[in-house]
Amino acid sequence: MSTIKIQEIEKDLHTFLRRVEAGEAFILFRDDQPIAEIKPVSTERKQRPFGLAARLFQVPADFNQPLPEDILNEYEGQ
């Protein structure tokens, strides 16, 4: 990753932005202090890996069973 000072960007912003568009990343410095990281925006949508939450949650055995009458009545406002 390259470093660049604010003064360098101000001199030729268009060239700097073209380099970022081409995939280059920079750390922006002001008075020898890093203040920002500038990098291209990723347009890729990464798919979530299959089984990401495996073993973190278990579906209860009675998941597909009808709800008890008292809960149904509360849900329906009775």
Protein backbone atom coordinates (compact mmCIF):
# COMPACT_ATOMS: atom_id res chain seq x y z
CA MET A 1 0.00 0.00 0.00
CA SER A 2 1.36 3.37 -1.01
CA THR A 3 1.45 6.50 1.10
CA ILE A 4 0.50 9.94 -0.11
CA LYS A 5 0.34 13.41 1.41
CA ILE A 6 -2.66 15.72 1.12
CA GLN A 7 -0.55 18.24 -0.80
CA GLU A 8 0.24 15.62 -3.47
CA ILE A 9 -3.44 14.82 -3.96
CA GLU A 10 -4.36 18.49 -4.21
CA LYS A 11 -1.86 18.96 -7.05
CA ASP A 12 -3.41 16.31 -9.30
CA LEU A 13 -6.63 14.85 -7.95
CA HIS A 14 -7.72 13.28 -11.25
CA THR A 15 -4.54 11.23 -11.61
CA PHE A 16 -4.80 10.09 -8.02
CA LEU A 17 -8.42 9.01 -8.50
CA ARG A 18 -7.55 7.11 -11.69
CA ARG A 19 -4.94 5.16 -9.72
CA VAL A 20 -7.53 4.30 -7.07
CA GLU A 21 -9.99 3.21 -9.77
CA ALA A 22 -7.26 0.97 -11.18
CA GLY A 23 -7.07 -0.84 -7.85
CA GLU A 24 -4.33 0.98 -5.97
CA ALA A 25 -4.77 1.73 -2.26
CA PHE A 26 -3.21 4.58 -0.30
CA ILE A 27 -2.67 5.76 3.24
CA LEU A 28 -3.26 9.49 3.38
CA PHE A 29 -0.90 11.55 5.57
CA ARG A 30 -1.16 15.05 7.03
CA ASP A 31 2.00 16.38 8.69
CA ASP A 32 3.55 12.90 8.90
CA GLN A 33 0.44 11.51 10.64
CA PRO A 34 -1.73 8.89 8.91
CA ILE A 35 -5.33 10.11 8.75
CA ALA A 36 -7.13 7.87 6.25
CA GLU A 37 -6.94 4.80 4.10
CA ILE A 38 -8.20 5.28 0.57
CA LYS A 39 -8.97 2.22 -1.50
CA PRO A 40 -11.31 1.18 -4.30
CA VAL A 41 -14.84 0.22 -3.39
CA SER A 42 -15.46 -3.48 -3.76
CA THR A 43 -18.42 -4.19 -6.01
CA GLU A 44 -18.24 -7.95 -5.50
CA ARG A 45 -21.01 -9.51 -3.48
CA LYS A 46 -19.52 -12.32 -1.52
CA GLN A 47 -21.83 -15.20 -0.80
CA ARG A 48 -22.11 -16.31 2.77
CA PRO A 49 -20.50 -19.70 3.27
CA PHE A 50 -22.87 -22.64 3.63
CA GLY A 51 -23.18 -23.78 7.23
CA LEU A 52 -21.96 -20.49 8.70
CA ALA A 53 -23.99 -20.97 11.89
CA ALA A 54 -23.74 -24.75 12.03
CA ARG A 55 -24.07 -26.12 15.55
CA LEU A 56 -24.89 -22.64 16.93
CA PHE A 57 -28.64 -23.13 16.69
CA GLN A 58 -30.80 -26.22 16.73
CA VAL A 59 -34.35 -26.30 15.44
CA PRO A 60 -36.55 -27.74 18.19
CA ALA A 61 -38.12 -31.13 17.48
CA ASP A 62 -41.62 -29.64 17.84
CA PHE A 63 -40.96 -26.74 15.46
CA ASN A 64 -43.67 -27.78 12.96
CA GLN A 65 -46.27 -28.67 15.60
CA PRO A 66 -49.30 -26.41 16.03
CA LEU A 67 -49.01 -23.75 18.73
CA PRO A 68 -50.87 -24.30 22.00
CA GLU A 69 -54.37 -22.80 22.15
CA ASP A 70 -53.45 -20.14 24.74
CA ILE A 71 -50.65 -18.76 22.56
CA LEU A 72 -52.87 -18.79 19.45
CA ASN A 73 -55.58 -16.94 21.37
CA GLU A 74 -53.11 -14.26 22.52
CA TYR A 75 -51.78 -13.90 18.99
CA GLU A 76 -55.27 -13.45 17.62
CA GLY A 77 -56.16 -10.97 20.37
CA GLN A 78 -58.71 -13.15 22.13
